[in-house]
Amino acid sequence: MSAGPTVYFLSDLHLGAAYTDVRSREAAIVAFLRSIEGHATELYLLGDVLDYWYEYRTVVPRGYVRFFGQLARLADSGTRIVWFTGNHDIWLFDYLRDEIGIEVVDAPAAGVVRDIAGRRFLLSHGDTFGPVPRSYRMLRALFRNRLCQLLFAGVHPRWTVPLAHAWSSHNRTSRGEPTDDDGWKTAVGARLVAEGQRVAAERPDINYIVMGHFHLELNEPVGPHCHLVVLGEWLTTNTYATFDGTTLQLHRWE
């Protein structure tokens, strides 16, 4: 890691995932966040930070106390924190914004363009990068519908929280864990690079396309002045990216 001022990017922590050792994973993430105190000028969390979260008006879901406390410590020390919602933590509203000072971004399907340290970034969680099945587009719109959110909030959390975690586990099990052996990462990586090349051709002003979601690590040129960066995940590999104003690099936290 750079000793100077640095911008950090990470995603897909999936804190709270029921099939993992929740406490030890939270401790590892908190240790990483402590390690960047003092030189992290900005921290971008690009979605699926929590495996599930629904933010009620007057009730805070249990868990993540040490994680939220460390984010507050970073924010209080001057680090700007920007949290993009993903498909697992889609229901972030104003609690973390008001309590910690985090900027919460519910990005449109095309992503959000930000100028960071003199370069132009296209940022998103990644679940809508490239062609998206119609069924998923409908589900995404349903989850963002205010009436549907209000109806969901009316169901007691004793029912909604277990249901959400069961759904998450089922989706992950039914997909199967990607491996290099079955060619999953190679195939998805090639598709992402092709889509990145298309975006870079349409948007020559973009220097970096950065996303999560796909649980693989990728840092590939997709245009004369553009790189596609996929951030990996924190279920097994603990990967993140840094940008020092000149170079964007992927790293693993041991």
Protein backbone atom coordinates (compact mmCIF):
# COMPACT_ATOMS: atom_id res chain seq x y z
CA MET A 1 0.00 0.00 0.00
CA SER A 2 1.08 3.52 -0.70
CA ALA A 3 2.22 5.57 2.27
CA GLY A 4 0.86 8.75 0.73
CA PRO A 5 -2.73 9.93 0.23
CA THR A 6 -4.66 7.17 -1.51
CA VAL A 7 -8.17 6.45 -2.77
CA TYR A 8 -9.48 2.97 -1.89
CA PHE A 9 -12.12 0.86 -3.63
CA LEU A 10 -13.68 -2.35 -2.36
CA SER A 11 -16.92 -4.25 -2.72
CA ASP A 12 -18.72 -7.52 -2.01
CA LEU A 13 -17.81 -7.87 1.65
CA HIS A 14 -21.16 -9.67 2.17
CA LEU A 15 -21.04 -9.05 5.90
CA GLY A 16 -23.65 -11.17 7.63
CA ALA A 17 -23.68 -13.98 5.06
CA ALA A 18 -25.06 -16.86 7.09
CA TYR A 19 -22.66 -19.55 5.84
CA THR A 20 -19.51 -17.68 6.89
CA ASP A 21 -17.78 -17.03 10.23
CA VAL A 22 -19.38 -13.62 10.64
CA ARG A 23 -17.31 -12.40 13.60
CA SER A 24 -13.87 -13.31 12.22
CA ARG A 25 -14.67 -11.84 8.81
CA GLU A 26 -15.87 -8.60 10.37
CA ALA A 27 -12.67 -8.49 12.44
CA ALA A 28 -10.54 -8.89 9.30
CA ILE A 29 -12.41 -6.10 7.51
CA VAL A 30 -12.11 -3.81 10.53
CA ALA A 31 -8.38 -4.54 10.72
CA PHE A 32 -8.03 -3.57 7.07
CA LEU A 33 -9.95 -0.33 7.60
CA ARG A 34 -7.76 0.50 10.59
CA SER A 35 -4.68 -0.03 8.41
CA ILE A 36 -5.74 2.72 5.99
CA GLU A 37 -6.35 5.38 8.64
CA GLY A 38 -4.28 8.48 8.06
CA HIS A 39 -3.69 8.08 4.32
CA ALA A 40 -7.09 7.14 2.88
CA THR A 41 -8.43 10.35 1.40
CA GLU A 42 -11.49 8.61 -0.05
CA LEU A 43 -13.08 5.19 0.39
CA TYR A 44 -15.51 3.87 -2.22
CA LEU A 45 -17.66 0.90 -1.20
CA LEU A 46 -19.16 -0.42 -4.44
CA GLY A 47 -22.07 -2.47 -3.17
CA ASP A 48 -22.94 -5.76 -1.46
CA VAL A 49 -21.03 -4.58 1.57
CA LEU A 50 -23.78 -6.20 3.65
CA ASP A 51 -25.36 -9.48 2.63
CA TYR A 52 -28.73 -8.05 3.65
CA TRP A 53 -29.91 -4.75 5.07
CA TYR A 54 -33.28 -3.09 5.41
CA GLU A 55 -33.29 0.32 7.02
CA TYR A 56 -36.38 1.00 9.11
CA ARG A 57 -37.35 4.52 10.12
CA THR A 58 -36.87 4.05 13.87
CA VAL A 59 -35.15 0.65 14.25
CA VAL A 60 -31.57 -0.31 13.45
CA PRO A 61 -30.91 -3.94 12.39
CA ARG A 62 -28.58 -5.79 14.75
CA GLY A 63 -24.96 -6.52 13.94
CA TYR A 64 -21.98 -4.83 12.23
CA VAL A 65 -21.24 -2.63 15.28
CA ARG A 66 -17.46 -2.82 14.96
CA PHE A 67 -17.62 -2.29 11.21
CA PHE A 68 -19.86 0.76 11.47
CA GLY A 69 -17.75 2.08 14.33
CA GLN A 70 -14.60 1.88 12.20
CA LEU A 71 -16.34 3.62 9.30
CA ALA A 72 -17.33 6.39 11.74
CA ARG A 73 -13.73 6.63 12.93
CA LEU A 74 -12.51 7.00 9.34
CA ALA A 75 -15.16 9.60 8.55
CA ASP A 76 -14.35 11.57 11.71
CA SER A 77 -10.66 11.58 10.76
CA GLY A 78 -11.43 13.16 7.39
CA THR A 79 -11.80 10.23 4.99
CA ARG A 80 -14.62 10.74 2.53
CA ILE A 81 -16.73 7.57 2.36
CA VAL A 82 -19.04 6.85 -0.59
CA TRP A 83 -21.24 3.75 -0.45
CA PHE A 84 -22.90 2.56 -3.67
CA THR A 85 -25.82 0.25 -3.06
CA GLY A 86 -25.60 -3.24 -4.54
CA ASN A 87 -28.19 -5.92 -5.14
CA HIS A 88 -27.83 -7.20 -1.54
CA ASP A 89 -27.70 -3.88 0.35
CA ILE A 90 -30.13 -2.06 -1.91
CA TRP A 91 -32.22 -0.67 0.95
CA LEU A 92 -29.79 1.84 2.41
CA PHE A 93 -31.57 5.13 3.03
CA ASP A 94 -30.49 7.89 5.44
CA TYR A 95 -29.33 6.22 8.67
CA LEU A 96 -25.64 5.80 7.81
CA ARG A 97 -25.66 9.13 6.01
CA ASP A 98 -26.94 10.98 9.06
CA GLU A 99 -25.14 9.02 11.79
CA ILE A 100 -21.72 8.57 10.18
CA GLY A 101 -21.58 11.06 7.32
CA ILE A 102 -21.41 8.49 4.52
CA GLU A 103 -22.57 9.49 1.06
CA VAL A 104 -25.03 6.82 -0.10
CA VAL A 105 -25.42 6.47 -3.87
CA ASP A 106 -28.18 4.45 -5.52
CA ALA A 107 -26.62 4.51 -8.98
CA PRO A 108 -28.64 4.29 -12.19
CA ALA A 109 -28.12 1.26 -14.42
CA ALA A 110 -25.46 3.06 -16.46
CA GLY A 111 -23.39 3.92 -13.39
CA VAL A 112 -22.12 7.24 -12.07
CA VAL A 113 -19.21 9.29 -13.43
CA ARG A 114 -16.89 10.82 -10.82
CA ASP A 115 -13.69 12.83 -11.19
CA ILE A 116 -11.19 11.40 -8.70
CA ALA A 117 -7.66 12.75 -8.29
CA GLY A 118 -7.59 14.12 -11.81
CA ARG A 119 -9.01 11.06 -13.59
CA ARG A 120 -12.54 10.24 -14.70
CA PHE A 121 -14.14 7.11 -13.25
CA LEU A 122 -17.33 5.28 -14.21
CA LEU A 123 -18.48 3.63 -10.97
CA SER A 124 -21.23 1.10 -10.30
CA HIS A 125 -21.91 -2.07 -8.37
CA GLY A 126 -21.76 -3.93 -11.69
CA ASP A 127 -25.01 -5.91 -11.66
CA THR A 128 -26.30 -3.87 -14.62
CA PHE A 129 -23.06 -3.74 -16.61
CA GLY A 130 -23.80 -5.04 -20.08
CA PRO A 131 -26.90 -6.94 -21.19
CA VAL A 132 -29.23 -7.66 -18.27
CA PRO A 133 -32.08 -10.21 -18.36
CA ARG A 134 -35.53 -8.66 -18.42
CA SER A 135 -36.49 -10.60 -15.29
CA TYR A 136 -33.64 -9.01 -13.34
CA ARG A 137 -34.48 -5.52 -14.61
CA MET A 138 -38.05 -6.02 -13.38
CA LEU A 139 -36.86 -7.30 -10.01
CA ARG A 140 -34.46 -4.37 -9.64
CA ALA A 141 -37.28 -1.91 -10.39
CA LEU A 142 -39.56 -3.70 -7.91
CA PHE A 143 -37.00 -3.43 -5.12
CA ARG A 144 -36.63 0.30 -5.80
CA ASN A 145 -40.37 0.98 -5.89
CA ARG A 146 -41.31 3.13 -2.89
CA LEU A 147 -44.71 1.49 -2.39
CA CYS A 148 -43.16 -1.97 -2.41
CA GLN A 149 -40.56 -0.81 0.10
CA LEU A 150 -43.28 0.49 2.42
CA LEU A 151 -45.22 -2.77 2.15
CA PHE A 152 -42.06 -4.76 2.92
CA ALA A 153 -41.37 -2.58 5.95
CA GLY A 154 -44.81 -3.49 7.28
CA VAL A 155 -43.80 -7.15 7.65
CA HIS A 156 -42.11 -7.97 10.97
CA PRO A 157 -38.32 -8.44 10.70
CA ARG A 158 -38.60 -11.87 12.34
CA TRP A 159 -39.96 -13.01 8.97
CA THR A 160 -38.15 -10.79 6.48
CA VAL A 161 -34.58 -11.18 7.77
CA PRO A 162 -34.50 -15.03 7.71
CA LEU A 163 -36.25 -14.99 4.34
CA ALA A 164 -33.67 -12.60 2.87
CA HIS A 165 -30.71 -14.65 4.14
CA ALA A 166 -32.28 -17.90 2.92
CA TRP A 167 -32.84 -16.40 -0.53
CA SER A 168 -29.25 -15.16 -0.66
CA SER A 169 -27.88 -18.58 0.32
CA HIS A 170 -30.13 -20.37 -2.16
CA ASN A 171 -29.07 -18.12 -5.04
CA ARG A 172 -25.42 -18.68 -4.23
CA THR A 173 -25.86 -22.46 -3.91
CA SER A 174 -27.91 -22.79 -7.10
CA ARG A 175 -25.30 -20.88 -9.10
CA GLY A 176 -22.45 -22.91 -7.71
CA GLU A 177 -19.17 -21.37 -6.64
CA PRO A 178 -17.18 -20.15 -9.65
CA THR A 179 -13.81 -21.79 -10.21
CA ASP A 180 -11.00 -21.42 -12.68
CA ASP A 181 -11.39 -25.11 -13.60
CA ASP A 182 -14.85 -24.78 -15.10
CA GLY A 183 -13.89 -21.70 -17.11
CA TRP A 184 -16.42 -19.47 -15.36
CA LYS A 185 -14.00 -16.66 -14.57
CA THR A 186 -12.43 -16.79 -18.02
CA ALA A 187 -15.80 -16.61 -19.77
CA VAL A 188 -17.22 -13.84 -17.58
CA GLY A 189 -13.97 -11.90 -17.73
CA ALA A 190 -13.98 -12.00 -21.54
CA ARG A 191 -17.59 -10.80 -21.61
CA LEU A 192 -16.81 -7.95 -19.23
CA VAL A 193 -13.77 -6.86 -21.25
CA ALA A 194 -15.86 -6.83 -24.44
CA GLU A 195 -18.50 -4.68 -22.74
CA GLY A 196 -15.76 -2.44 -21.34
CA GLN A 197 -14.37 -1.95 -24.83
CA ARG A 198 -17.80 -0.91 -26.04
CA VAL A 199 -18.24 1.58 -23.19
CA ALA A 200 -14.73 2.99 -23.65
CA ALA A 201 -15.38 3.53 -27.37
CA GLU A 202 -18.60 5.39 -26.59
CA ARG A 203 -17.08 7.35 -23.69
CA PRO A 204 -13.47 8.25 -24.58
CA ASP A 205 -13.41 10.64 -21.61
CA ILE A 206 -13.51 7.71 -19.13
CA ASN A 207 -10.17 6.58 -17.69
CA TYR A 208 -11.37 3.80 -15.38
CA ILE A 209 -14.47 1.62 -15.21
CA VAL A 210 -14.62 0.23 -11.65
CA MET A 211 -17.18 -2.24 -10.28
CA GLY A 212 -17.75 -5.23 -8.05
CA HIS A 213 -20.52 -7.85 -8.17
CA PHE A 214 -18.78 -10.56 -10.20
CA HIS A 215 -16.52 -11.93 -7.43
CA LEU A 216 -13.49 -12.00 -9.69
CA GLU A 217 -10.41 -9.81 -9.99
CA LEU A 218 -9.79 -8.01 -13.25
CA ASN A 219 -7.63 -5.08 -14.30
CA GLU A 220 -7.51 -4.91 -18.08
CA PRO A 221 -7.08 -2.16 -20.69
CA VAL A 222 -10.27 -1.69 -22.71
CA GLY A 223 -9.31 1.43 -24.62
CA PRO A 224 -6.33 3.68 -25.41
CA HIS A 225 -6.75 5.50 -22.08
CA CYS A 226 -9.22 3.29 -20.19
CA HIS A 227 -8.96 0.32 -17.82
CA LEU A 228 -11.70 -1.99 -16.61
CA VAL A 229 -11.28 -2.95 -12.95
CA VAL A 230 -13.41 -5.58 -11.18
CA LEU A 231 -12.72 -5.58 -7.46
CA GLY A 232 -13.13 -9.23 -6.46
CA GLU A 233 -14.68 -10.09 -3.09
CA TRP A 234 -14.12 -10.50 0.66
CA LEU A 235 -15.56 -13.99 1.13
CA THR A 236 -12.30 -15.75 0.27
CA THR A 237 -9.72 -13.48 -1.41
CA ASN A 238 -10.06 -10.10 0.40
CA THR A 239 -9.25 -7.94 -2.61
CA TYR A 240 -9.37 -4.19 -3.05
CA ALA A 241 -7.96 -1.46 -5.30
CA THR A 242 -5.96 1.69 -4.66
CA PHE A 243 -5.49 4.80 -6.75
CA ASP A 244 -2.69 7.26 -6.02
CA GLY A 245 -3.51 9.78 -8.75
CA THR A 246 -1.39 7.96 -11.31
CA THR A 247 -1.95 4.20 -11.08
CA LEU A 248 -4.86 2.00 -10.07
CA GLN A 249 -3.75 -1.33 -8.61
CA LEU A 250 -5.46 -4.43 -7.20
CA HIS A 251 -4.26 -5.89 -3.90
CA ARG A 252 -5.05 -8.71 -1.49
CA TRP A 253 -5.36 -8.20 2.25
CA GLU A 254 -3.68 -11.06 4.09
